[in-house]
């Protein structure tokens, strides 16, 4: 993920009413639509990182190697990411040990 100061241009389509509401809020705060959307995105990502359901989805993506540790850390913070990485390593070790035991027993 990028640092907070690095900018990347994005383009997307949104429902007209939603854009109009963002524009109205921008007028109230004497700013532009981009600032409103960035603020809303930051708040959404911060809230999502505190949702147990979203955290589990993020952890699952990490366990399945869909996201890197750095991406995980950006999403949930360093401490929680370290815990997920440790659990992933423990689960992998336990799986290997279980398979080894099963093979030894057969």
N, C-alpha and C. Protein backbone atom coordinates (compact mmCIF):
# COMPACT_ATOMS: atom_id res chain seq x y z
N UNK A 1 0.83 -1.17 0.00
CA UNK A 1 0.00 0.00 0.00
C UNK A 1 0.88 1.24 0.00
N UNK A 2 0.31 2.32 -0.45
CA UNK A 2 1.06 3.55 -0.59
C UNK A 2 1.11 4.31 0.71
N UNK A 3 2.09 5.18 0.79
CA UNK A 3 2.16 6.04 1.97
C UNK A 3 1.05 7.07 1.90
N UNK A 4 0.76 7.70 3.02
CA UNK A 4 -0.34 8.65 3.11
C UNK A 4 -0.16 9.88 2.24
N UNK A 5 1.07 10.27 1.94
CA UNK A 5 1.29 11.49 1.17
C UNK A 5 1.35 11.25 -0.33
N UNK A 6 1.58 10.03 -0.75
CA UNK A 6 1.64 9.71 -2.16
C UNK A 6 0.22 9.68 -2.74
N UNK A 7 0.04 10.32 -3.89
CA UNK A 7 -1.29 10.43 -4.48
C UNK A 7 -1.41 9.50 -5.68
N UNK A 8 -2.61 8.97 -5.87
CA UNK A 8 -2.90 8.13 -7.03
C UNK A 8 -4.26 8.56 -7.56
N UNK A 9 -4.32 8.80 -8.83
CA UNK A 9 -5.57 9.22 -9.46
C UNK A 9 -6.47 8.00 -9.63
N UNK A 10 -7.73 8.15 -9.22
CA UNK A 10 -8.72 7.10 -9.39
C UNK A 10 -9.96 7.69 -10.06
N UNK A 11 -10.67 6.84 -10.74
CA UNK A 11 -11.90 7.27 -11.41
C UNK A 11 -12.93 6.17 -11.20
N UNK A 12 -14.15 6.55 -10.85
CA UNK A 12 -15.21 5.57 -10.64
C UNK A 12 -16.56 6.23 -10.88
N UNK A 13 -17.54 5.40 -11.08
CA UNK A 13 -18.90 5.88 -11.25
C UNK A 13 -19.63 5.68 -9.92
N UNK A 14 -20.46 6.66 -9.59
CA UNK A 14 -21.24 6.60 -8.35
C UNK A 14 -22.64 7.10 -8.64
N UNK A 15 -23.60 6.68 -7.84
CA UNK A 15 -24.97 7.17 -8.03
C UNK A 15 -25.02 8.70 -7.96
N UNK A 16 -25.77 9.29 -8.87
CA UNK A 16 -25.84 10.75 -8.96
C UNK A 16 -26.21 11.38 -7.62
N UNK A 17 -27.19 10.82 -6.94
CA UNK A 17 -27.62 11.39 -5.66
C UNK A 17 -26.51 11.40 -4.62
N UNK A 18 -25.69 10.38 -4.61
CA UNK A 18 -24.58 10.31 -3.67
C UNK A 18 -23.54 11.39 -3.98
N UNK A 19 -23.27 11.58 -5.25
CA UNK A 19 -22.31 12.62 -5.66
C UNK A 19 -22.86 14.00 -5.32
N UNK A 20 -24.15 14.20 -5.54
CA UNK A 20 -24.76 15.49 -5.22
C UNK A 20 -24.69 15.78 -3.72
N UNK A 21 -24.89 14.73 -2.91
CA UNK A 21 -24.77 14.91 -1.45
C UNK A 21 -23.34 15.25 -1.06
N UNK A 22 -22.36 14.61 -1.69
CA UNK A 22 -20.96 14.92 -1.41
C UNK A 22 -20.64 16.35 -1.82
N UNK A 23 -21.17 16.78 -2.96
CA UNK A 23 -20.95 18.15 -3.42
C UNK A 23 -21.58 19.17 -2.46
N UNK A 24 -22.78 18.86 -1.95
CA UNK A 24 -23.44 19.76 -1.00
C UNK A 24 -22.63 19.87 0.28
N UNK A 25 -22.12 18.74 0.77
CA UNK A 25 -21.31 18.76 1.98
C UNK A 25 -20.01 19.53 1.74
N UNK A 26 -19.44 19.37 0.56
CA UNK A 26 -18.23 20.12 0.21
C UNK A 26 -18.51 21.63 0.25
N UNK A 27 -19.67 22.04 -0.24
CA UNK A 27 -20.03 23.46 -0.21
C UNK A 27 -20.15 23.95 1.24
N UNK A 28 -20.75 23.13 2.10
CA UNK A 28 -20.91 23.50 3.51
C UNK A 28 -19.54 23.73 4.15
N UNK A 29 -18.59 22.84 3.87
CA UNK A 29 -17.26 22.93 4.48
C UNK A 29 -16.27 23.75 3.65
N UNK A 30 -16.77 24.34 2.57
CA UNK A 30 -15.93 25.16 1.68
C UNK A 30 -14.67 24.41 1.24
N UNK A 31 -14.90 23.22 0.73
CA UNK A 31 -13.82 22.37 0.23
C UNK A 31 -14.29 21.77 -1.08
N UNK A 32 -13.60 20.78 -1.57
CA UNK A 32 -14.05 20.16 -2.82
C UNK A 32 -14.49 18.72 -2.60
N UNK A 33 -15.09 18.15 -3.62
CA UNK A 33 -15.62 16.78 -3.56
C UNK A 33 -14.53 15.80 -3.18
N UNK A 34 -13.34 15.97 -3.72
CA UNK A 34 -12.24 15.04 -3.45
C UNK A 34 -11.95 14.96 -1.96
N UNK A 35 -11.90 16.11 -1.29
CA UNK A 35 -11.63 16.11 0.16
C UNK A 35 -12.72 15.37 0.92
N UNK A 36 -13.97 15.55 0.51
CA UNK A 36 -15.09 14.86 1.16
C UNK A 36 -14.97 13.36 0.95
N UNK A 37 -14.68 12.93 -0.27
CA UNK A 37 -14.57 11.50 -0.57
C UNK A 37 -13.38 10.86 0.14
N UNK A 38 -12.26 11.56 0.20
CA UNK A 38 -11.10 11.03 0.91
C UNK A 38 -11.40 10.89 2.40
N UNK A 39 -12.05 11.90 2.97
CA UNK A 39 -12.43 11.84 4.37
C UNK A 39 -13.37 10.67 4.64
N UNK A 40 -14.36 10.50 3.77
CA UNK A 40 -15.32 9.39 3.93
C UNK A 40 -14.63 8.04 3.80
N UNK A 41 -13.71 7.93 2.86
CA UNK A 41 -12.99 6.67 2.66
C UNK A 41 -12.11 6.36 3.87
N UNK A 42 -11.42 7.36 4.37
CA UNK A 42 -10.59 7.15 5.58
C UNK A 42 -11.44 6.67 6.75
N UNK A 43 -12.59 7.31 6.96
CA UNK A 43 -13.47 6.93 8.07
C UNK A 43 -14.00 5.51 7.87
N UNK A 44 -14.39 5.18 6.64
CA UNK A 44 -14.89 3.83 6.37
C UNK A 44 -13.81 2.78 6.67
N UNK A 45 -12.61 3.02 6.20
CA UNK A 45 -11.52 2.06 6.41
C UNK A 45 -11.17 1.95 7.89
N UNK A 46 -11.19 3.05 8.60
CA UNK A 46 -10.92 3.01 10.05
C UNK A 46 -12.00 2.21 10.77
N UNK A 47 -13.26 2.47 10.43
CA UNK A 47 -14.36 1.73 11.06
C UNK A 47 -14.32 0.24 10.69
N UNK A 48 -14.01 -0.04 9.43
CA UNK A 48 -13.97 -1.43 8.98
C UNK A 48 -12.88 -2.21 9.71
N UNK A 49 -11.78 -1.56 10.01
CA UNK A 49 -10.67 -2.23 10.69
C UNK A 49 -11.04 -2.61 12.13
N UNK A 50 -12.09 -2.01 12.67
CA UNK A 50 -12.53 -2.32 14.03
C UNK A 50 -13.69 -3.30 14.07
N UNK A 51 -14.20 -3.67 12.91
CA UNK A 51 -15.31 -4.62 12.84
C UNK A 51 -14.75 -6.04 12.90
N UNK A 52 -15.26 -6.84 13.84
CA UNK A 52 -14.78 -8.22 13.96
C UNK A 52 -15.02 -9.01 12.68
N UNK A 53 -16.16 -8.78 12.04
CA UNK A 53 -16.48 -9.50 10.81
C UNK A 53 -15.51 -9.13 9.69
N UNK A 54 -15.21 -7.86 9.57
CA UNK A 54 -14.27 -7.41 8.53
C UNK A 54 -12.87 -7.89 8.86
N UNK A 55 -12.49 -7.84 10.14
CA UNK A 55 -11.16 -8.34 10.53
C UNK A 55 -11.00 -9.80 10.16
N UNK A 56 -12.06 -10.58 10.34
CA UNK A 56 -11.99 -12.00 10.00
C UNK A 56 -11.81 -12.18 8.50
N UNK A 57 -12.50 -11.38 7.71
CA UNK A 57 -12.34 -11.43 6.25
C UNK A 57 -10.91 -11.07 5.85
N UNK A 58 -10.37 -10.05 6.50
CA UNK A 58 -8.99 -9.63 6.23
C UNK A 58 -8.02 -10.74 6.61
N UNK A 59 -8.23 -11.33 7.79
CA UNK A 59 -7.36 -12.43 8.24
C UNK A 59 -7.44 -13.60 7.27
N UNK A 60 -8.64 -13.94 6.84
CA UNK A 60 -8.80 -15.04 5.88
C UNK A 60 -8.04 -14.76 4.59
N UNK A 61 -8.10 -13.52 4.14
CA UNK A 61 -7.37 -13.15 2.91
C UNK A 61 -5.87 -13.32 3.13
N UNK A 62 -5.38 -12.97 4.31
CA UNK A 62 -3.96 -13.14 4.62
C UNK A 62 -3.60 -14.62 4.71
N UNK A 63 -4.44 -15.40 5.38
CA UNK A 63 -4.17 -16.84 5.51
C UNK A 63 -4.15 -17.52 4.15
N UNK A 64 -4.98 -17.02 3.22
CA UNK A 64 -5.04 -17.59 1.87
C UNK A 64 -4.03 -16.98 0.92
N UNK A 65 -3.15 -16.12 1.46
CA UNK A 65 -2.11 -15.44 0.67
C UNK A 65 -2.68 -14.53 -0.41
N UNK A 66 -3.88 -13.97 -0.16
CA UNK A 66 -4.46 -13.00 -1.09
C UNK A 66 -3.92 -11.60 -0.86
N UNK A 67 -3.44 -11.34 0.36
CA UNK A 67 -2.81 -10.06 0.68
C UNK A 67 -1.50 -10.34 1.40
N UNK A 68 -0.59 -9.39 1.30
CA UNK A 68 0.72 -9.53 1.94
C UNK A 68 0.64 -9.09 3.40
N UNK A 69 1.71 -9.36 4.14
CA UNK A 69 1.77 -8.92 5.53
C UNK A 69 1.73 -7.40 5.60
N UNK A 70 2.41 -6.73 4.67
CA UNK A 70 2.41 -5.26 4.67
C UNK A 70 0.99 -4.72 4.45
N UNK A 71 0.24 -5.33 3.55
CA UNK A 71 -1.14 -4.90 3.32
C UNK A 71 -1.98 -5.18 4.56
N UNK A 72 -1.77 -6.33 5.17
CA UNK A 72 -2.47 -6.68 6.40
C UNK A 72 -2.20 -5.63 7.48
N UNK A 73 -0.93 -5.27 7.63
CA UNK A 73 -0.52 -4.29 8.63
C UNK A 73 -1.18 -2.93 8.38
N UNK A 74 -1.27 -2.54 7.11
CA UNK A 74 -1.93 -1.27 6.77
C UNK A 74 -3.41 -1.29 7.13
N UNK A 75 -4.02 -2.47 7.03
CA UNK A 75 -5.46 -2.58 7.28
C UNK A 75 -5.82 -2.68 8.77
N UNK A 76 -5.05 -3.45 9.53
CA UNK A 76 -5.45 -3.72 10.92
C UNK A 76 -4.46 -3.22 11.96
N UNK A 77 -3.35 -2.67 11.54
CA UNK A 77 -2.35 -2.20 12.49
C UNK A 77 -1.29 -3.26 12.74
N UNK A 78 -0.14 -2.80 13.23
CA UNK A 78 1.01 -3.69 13.38
C UNK A 78 0.77 -4.81 14.39
N UNK A 79 0.23 -4.48 15.55
CA UNK A 79 0.07 -5.49 16.59
C UNK A 79 -0.88 -6.61 16.16
N UNK A 80 -2.03 -6.22 15.62
CA UNK A 80 -3.01 -7.23 15.19
C UNK A 80 -2.45 -8.05 14.02
N UNK A 81 -1.74 -7.39 13.12
CA UNK A 81 -1.14 -8.10 11.99
C UNK A 81 -0.11 -9.12 12.48
N UNK A 82 0.68 -8.73 13.47
CA UNK A 82 1.67 -9.66 14.03
C UNK A 82 0.98 -10.88 14.64
N UNK A 83 -0.15 -10.64 15.30
CA UNK A 83 -0.90 -11.76 15.88
C UNK A 83 -1.43 -12.69 14.79
N UNK A 84 -1.96 -12.12 13.71
CA UNK A 84 -2.46 -12.93 12.60
C UNK A 84 -1.33 -13.73 11.96
N UNK A 85 -0.15 -13.10 11.82
CA UNK A 85 0.98 -13.81 11.22
C UNK A 85 1.42 -14.97 12.10
N UNK A 86 1.46 -14.74 13.40
CA UNK A 86 1.83 -15.81 14.33
C UNK A 86 0.83 -16.96 14.26
N UNK A 87 -0.45 -16.64 14.25
CA UNK A 87 -1.48 -17.67 14.16
C UNK A 87 -1.36 -18.45 12.86
N UNK A 88 -1.09 -17.74 11.76
CA UNK A 88 -0.93 -18.41 10.47
C UNK A 88 0.22 -19.40 10.53
N UNK A 89 1.33 -18.99 11.14
CA UNK A 89 2.48 -19.88 11.26
C UNK A 89 2.15 -21.08 12.15
N UNK A 90 1.45 -20.83 13.25
CA UNK A 90 1.07 -21.92 14.15
C UNK A 90 0.13 -22.89 13.47
N UNK A 91 -0.83 -22.37 12.73
CA UNK A 91 -1.77 -23.23 12.03
C UNK A 91 -1.05 -24.08 10.99
N UNK A 92 -0.10 -23.48 10.30
CA UNK A 92 0.66 -24.23 9.30
C UNK A 92 1.47 -25.34 9.95
N UNK A 93 2.12 -25.03 11.07
CA UNK A 93 2.91 -26.02 11.79
C UNK A 93 2.02 -27.15 12.32
N UNK A 94 0.87 -26.79 12.88
CA UNK A 94 -0.05 -27.79 13.41
C UNK A 94 -0.55 -28.70 12.30
N UNK A 95 -0.85 -28.12 11.15
CA UNK A 95 -1.34 -28.93 10.03
C UNK A 95 -0.28 -29.93 9.60
N UNK A 96 0.94 -29.47 9.49
CA UNK A 96 2.04 -30.35 9.09
C UNK A 96 2.22 -31.48 10.10
N UNK A 97 2.15 -31.12 11.39
CA UNK A 97 2.31 -32.13 12.44
C UNK A 97 1.17 -33.16 12.39
N UNK A 98 -0.06 -32.70 12.18
CA UNK A 98 -1.20 -33.61 12.09
C UNK A 98 -1.06 -34.57 10.91
N UNK A 99 -0.68 -34.04 9.78
CA UNK A 99 -0.51 -34.89 8.59
C UNK A 99 0.61 -35.89 8.83
N UNK A 100 1.69 -35.44 9.45
CA UNK A 100 2.81 -36.35 9.74
C UNK A 100 2.37 -37.48 10.67
N UNK A 101 1.56 -37.12 11.68
CA UNK A 101 1.06 -38.15 12.60
C UNK A 101 0.13 -39.13 11.89
N UNK A 102 -0.73 -38.62 11.03
CA UNK A 102 -1.64 -39.49 10.28
C UNK A 102 -0.87 -40.45 9.39
N UNK A 103 0.17 -39.92 8.75
CA UNK A 103 0.97 -40.77 7.88
C UNK A 103 1.73 -41.82 8.70
N UNK A 104 2.20 -41.44 9.86
CA UNK A 104 2.92 -42.37 10.71
C UNK A 104 2.02 -43.48 11.23
N UNK A 105 0.73 -43.14 11.48
CA UNK A 105 -0.22 -44.11 12.00
C UNK A 105 -0.71 -45.08 10.92
N UNK A 106 -0.58 -44.72 9.66
CA UNK A 106 -1.12 -45.61 8.61
C UNK A 106 -0.12 -46.58 8.05
